[in-house]
Amino acid sequence: MEDEGNTPTINRGRLRWLASRHALLELDILFDRFLDAHFDRLNQSELSALQELLLLEDHDLWAIVSGRKECTEVRWKELVKLLRAG
């Protein structure tokens, strides 16, 4: 199933699971808060970008969301901005 932008439908349950399976407690806390605040409002494109972020290695992901590493992927920038805002 696809939305009108031809983006595959993302399984929200799997994303919640991915967001809670980190080796770094900081990421678990950050994503738990993020999902509580924003998850239900994300569209399919944003969910796809979130899935890409969650598949990064924990230390790379933490470097991006903590601001120690620049986010170079345009499709991730808005999500990273929301994550950094807390």
N, C-alpha and C. Protein backbone atom coordinates (compact mmCIF):
# COMPACT_ATOMS: atom_id res chain seq x y z
N MET A 1 0.84 -1.18 0.00
CA MET A 1 0.00 0.00 0.00
C MET A 1 0.88 1.24 0.00
N GLU A 2 0.50 2.24 -0.83
CA GLU A 2 1.29 3.45 -0.92
C GLU A 2 0.40 4.67 -0.83
N ASP A 3 0.97 5.77 -0.34
CA ASP A 3 0.21 7.01 -0.32
C ASP A 3 0.35 7.69 -1.67
N GLU A 4 -0.27 8.87 -1.83
CA GLU A 4 -0.26 9.52 -3.13
C GLU A 4 1.13 9.93 -3.60
N GLY A 5 2.11 10.02 -2.72
CA GLY A 5 3.47 10.37 -3.11
C GLY A 5 4.32 9.17 -3.47
N ASN A 6 3.72 8.01 -3.61
CA ASN A 6 4.43 6.77 -3.93
C ASN A 6 5.44 6.36 -2.87
N THR A 7 5.27 6.83 -1.65
CA THR A 7 6.12 6.42 -0.54
C THR A 7 5.48 5.19 0.09
N PRO A 8 6.23 4.10 0.24
CA PRO A 8 5.65 2.90 0.85
C PRO A 8 5.10 3.19 2.25
N THR A 9 3.99 2.55 2.58
CA THR A 9 3.40 2.72 3.90
C THR A 9 4.34 2.12 4.94
N ILE A 10 4.62 2.88 5.97
CA ILE A 10 5.54 2.48 7.02
C ILE A 10 4.75 1.87 8.18
N ASN A 11 5.26 0.78 8.70
CA ASN A 11 4.64 0.11 9.85
C ASN A 11 5.00 0.89 11.12
N ARG A 12 4.01 1.56 11.68
CA ARG A 12 4.24 2.40 12.87
C ARG A 12 4.67 1.56 14.08
N GLY A 13 4.11 0.37 14.22
CA GLY A 13 4.50 -0.50 15.33
C GLY A 13 5.97 -0.87 15.27
N ARG A 14 6.45 -1.18 14.06
CA ARG A 14 7.88 -1.51 13.90
C ARG A 14 8.76 -0.31 14.23
N LEU A 15 8.31 0.88 13.83
CA LEU A 15 9.10 2.08 14.16
C LEU A 15 9.18 2.30 15.66
N ARG A 16 8.08 2.11 16.35
CA ARG A 16 8.10 2.24 17.82
C ARG A 16 9.08 1.23 18.43
N TRP A 17 9.07 0.02 17.89
CA TRP A 17 9.98 -1.02 18.37
C TRP A 17 11.43 -0.62 18.10
N LEU A 18 11.71 -0.16 16.87
CA LEU A 18 13.07 0.26 16.53
C LEU A 18 13.54 1.42 17.42
N ALA A 19 12.63 2.31 17.73
CA ALA A 19 12.98 3.49 18.53
C ALA A 19 13.31 3.15 19.98
N SER A 20 12.94 1.96 20.41
CA SER A 20 13.19 1.58 21.81
C SER A 20 14.27 0.53 21.96
N ARG A 21 15.03 0.26 20.92
CA ARG A 21 16.04 -0.80 20.94
C ARG A 21 17.45 -0.28 20.71
N HIS A 22 17.86 0.63 21.55
CA HIS A 22 19.19 1.22 21.40
C HIS A 22 20.12 0.77 22.52
N ALA A 23 21.40 0.75 22.21
CA ALA A 23 22.41 0.44 23.22
C ALA A 23 22.64 1.66 24.11
N LEU A 24 22.29 2.83 23.62
CA LEU A 24 22.48 4.06 24.38
C LEU A 24 21.16 4.48 25.02
N LEU A 25 21.12 4.53 26.32
CA LEU A 25 19.92 4.92 27.05
C LEU A 25 19.45 6.31 26.63
N GLU A 26 20.38 7.19 26.32
CA GLU A 26 20.03 8.54 25.90
C GLU A 26 19.12 8.53 24.67
N LEU A 27 19.41 7.63 23.74
CA LEU A 27 18.58 7.53 22.54
C LEU A 27 17.20 7.00 22.87
N ASP A 28 17.13 6.01 23.72
CA ASP A 28 15.82 5.48 24.12
C ASP A 28 14.96 6.57 24.75
N ILE A 29 15.54 7.36 25.63
CA ILE A 29 14.81 8.45 26.29
C ILE A 29 14.40 9.50 25.27
N LEU A 30 15.33 9.90 24.42
CA LEU A 30 15.05 10.92 23.41
C LEU A 30 13.93 10.49 22.48
N PHE A 31 13.99 9.27 21.97
CA PHE A 31 12.97 8.81 21.04
C PHE A 31 11.64 8.54 21.72
N ASP A 32 11.67 8.12 22.96
CA ASP A 32 10.42 7.93 23.69
C ASP A 32 9.67 9.26 23.80
N ARG A 33 10.37 10.30 24.17
CA ARG A 33 9.76 11.64 24.28
C ARG A 33 9.31 12.15 22.92
N PHE A 34 10.15 11.95 21.91
CA PHE A 34 9.82 12.40 20.56
C PHE A 34 8.55 11.71 20.05
N LEU A 35 8.48 10.41 20.22
CA LEU A 35 7.31 9.68 19.74
C LEU A 35 6.05 10.10 20.48
N ASP A 36 6.15 10.31 21.78
CA ASP A 36 4.99 10.77 22.55
C ASP A 36 4.48 12.11 22.03
N ALA A 37 5.38 12.99 21.65
CA ALA A 37 5.01 14.34 21.24
C ALA A 37 4.62 14.45 19.76
N HIS A 38 5.24 13.65 18.88
CA HIS A 38 5.11 13.91 17.44
C HIS A 38 4.64 12.73 16.58
N PHE A 39 4.72 11.52 17.09
CA PHE A 39 4.56 10.34 16.25
C PHE A 39 3.23 10.32 15.49
N ASP A 40 2.15 10.62 16.12
CA ASP A 40 0.84 10.53 15.49
C ASP A 40 0.63 11.58 14.39
N ARG A 41 1.46 12.60 14.36
CA ARG A 41 1.32 13.66 13.36
C ARG A 41 2.26 13.49 12.17
N LEU A 42 3.15 12.51 12.20
CA LEU A 42 4.11 12.33 11.10
C LEU A 42 3.42 11.72 9.89
N ASN A 43 3.73 12.27 8.69
CA ASN A 43 3.20 11.70 7.46
C ASN A 43 4.11 10.55 6.99
N GLN A 44 3.75 9.90 5.92
CA GLN A 44 4.50 8.74 5.44
C GLN A 44 5.94 9.10 5.06
N SER A 45 6.17 10.25 4.46
CA SER A 45 7.53 10.66 4.10
C SER A 45 8.38 10.86 5.35
N GLU A 46 7.79 11.48 6.37
CA GLU A 46 8.51 11.69 7.63
C GLU A 46 8.75 10.37 8.34
N LEU A 47 7.79 9.47 8.28
CA LEU A 47 7.97 8.15 8.88
C LEU A 47 9.08 7.38 8.18
N SER A 48 9.16 7.53 6.87
CA SER A 48 10.22 6.87 6.11
C SER A 48 11.59 7.43 6.51
N ALA A 49 11.68 8.75 6.66
CA ALA A 49 12.94 9.37 7.09
C ALA A 49 13.29 8.93 8.51
N LEU A 50 12.29 8.84 9.38
CA LEU A 50 12.52 8.37 10.74
C LEU A 50 13.06 6.95 10.74
N GLN A 51 12.49 6.11 9.90
CA GLN A 51 12.97 4.73 9.81
C GLN A 51 14.43 4.70 9.38
N GLU A 52 14.80 5.52 8.42
CA GLU A 52 16.20 5.59 7.98
C GLU A 52 17.10 6.00 9.14
N LEU A 53 16.69 7.01 9.89
CA LEU A 53 17.48 7.45 11.05
C LEU A 53 17.65 6.32 12.06
N LEU A 54 16.57 5.61 12.33
CA LEU A 54 16.60 4.57 13.36
C LEU A 54 17.46 3.38 12.95
N LEU A 55 17.75 3.25 11.67
CA LEU A 55 18.60 2.15 11.21
C LEU A 55 20.09 2.49 11.23
N LEU A 56 20.41 3.74 11.58
CA LEU A 56 21.82 4.12 11.74
C LEU A 56 22.41 3.45 12.97
N GLU A 57 23.71 3.31 12.99
CA GLU A 57 24.39 2.83 14.18
C GLU A 57 24.16 3.83 15.31
N ASP A 58 24.01 3.33 16.52
CA ASP A 58 23.67 4.19 17.66
C ASP A 58 24.61 5.38 17.84
N HIS A 59 25.90 5.16 17.72
CA HIS A 59 26.85 6.26 17.96
C HIS A 59 26.75 7.32 16.86
N ASP A 60 26.50 6.89 15.61
CA ASP A 60 26.30 7.85 14.52
C ASP A 60 25.01 8.63 14.73
N LEU A 61 23.96 7.93 15.11
CA LEU A 61 22.67 8.57 15.36
C LEU A 61 22.78 9.58 16.50
N TRP A 62 23.43 9.19 17.58
CA TRP A 62 23.59 10.10 18.71
C TRP A 62 24.40 11.33 18.31
N ALA A 63 25.43 11.14 17.51
CA ALA A 63 26.25 12.27 17.06
C ALA A 63 25.40 13.27 16.27
N ILE A 64 24.49 12.78 15.45
CA ILE A 64 23.63 13.66 14.66
C ILE A 64 22.61 14.37 15.54
N VAL A 65 21.89 13.62 16.36
CA VAL A 65 20.81 14.26 17.14
C VAL A 65 21.34 15.12 18.28
N SER A 66 22.55 14.85 18.74
CA SER A 66 23.13 15.68 19.80
C SER A 66 23.82 16.93 19.24
N GLY A 67 23.97 16.98 17.92
CA GLY A 67 24.58 18.15 17.29
C GLY A 67 26.08 18.06 17.13
N ARG A 68 26.68 16.95 17.53
CA ARG A 68 28.13 16.81 17.39
C ARG A 68 28.53 16.54 15.94
N LYS A 69 27.57 16.05 15.15
CA LYS A 69 27.80 15.78 13.74
C LYS A 69 26.69 16.45 12.95
N GLU A 70 27.05 17.10 11.85
CA GLU A 70 26.07 17.77 11.03
C GLU A 70 25.17 16.76 10.32
N CYS A 71 23.90 17.07 10.23
CA CYS A 71 22.96 16.25 9.48
C CYS A 71 23.05 16.68 8.02
N THR A 72 23.57 15.82 7.17
CA THR A 72 23.77 16.16 5.77
C THR A 72 22.65 15.66 4.87
N GLU A 73 21.79 14.80 5.39
CA GLU A 73 20.67 14.27 4.60
C GLU A 73 19.49 15.24 4.69
N VAL A 74 19.12 15.83 3.58
CA VAL A 74 18.05 16.81 3.56
C VAL A 74 16.76 16.23 4.11
N ARG A 75 16.44 14.99 3.78
CA ARG A 75 15.16 14.39 4.21
C ARG A 75 15.11 14.14 5.72
N TRP A 76 16.24 14.21 6.42
CA TRP A 76 16.28 14.00 7.86
C TRP A 76 16.26 15.30 8.66
N LYS A 77 16.56 16.41 8.02
CA LYS A 77 16.82 17.67 8.74
C LYS A 77 15.67 18.12 9.63
N GLU A 78 14.43 18.06 9.16
CA GLU A 78 13.30 18.50 9.98
C GLU A 78 13.11 17.60 11.19
N LEU A 79 13.27 16.29 11.00
CA LEU A 79 13.15 15.36 12.14
C LEU A 79 14.26 15.61 13.15
N VAL A 80 15.46 15.81 12.66
CA VAL A 80 16.60 16.06 13.56
C VAL A 80 16.36 17.35 14.34
N LYS A 81 15.80 18.35 13.66
CA LYS A 81 15.49 19.61 14.33
C LYS A 81 14.48 19.37 15.46
N LEU A 82 13.45 18.58 15.21
CA LEU A 82 12.47 18.25 16.25
C LEU A 82 13.10 17.44 17.38
N LEU A 83 13.96 16.50 17.03
CA LEU A 83 14.64 15.69 18.05
C LEU A 83 15.54 16.56 18.93
N ARG A 84 16.25 17.47 18.33
CA ARG A 84 17.14 18.35 19.08
C ARG A 84 16.37 19.30 19.99
N ALA A 85 15.18 19.68 19.55
CA ALA A 85 14.36 20.60 20.34
C ALA A 85 13.82 19.94 21.61
N GLY A 86 13.85 18.62 21.61
CA GLY A 86 13.44 17.89 22.81
C GLY A 86 11.98 17.66 22.84
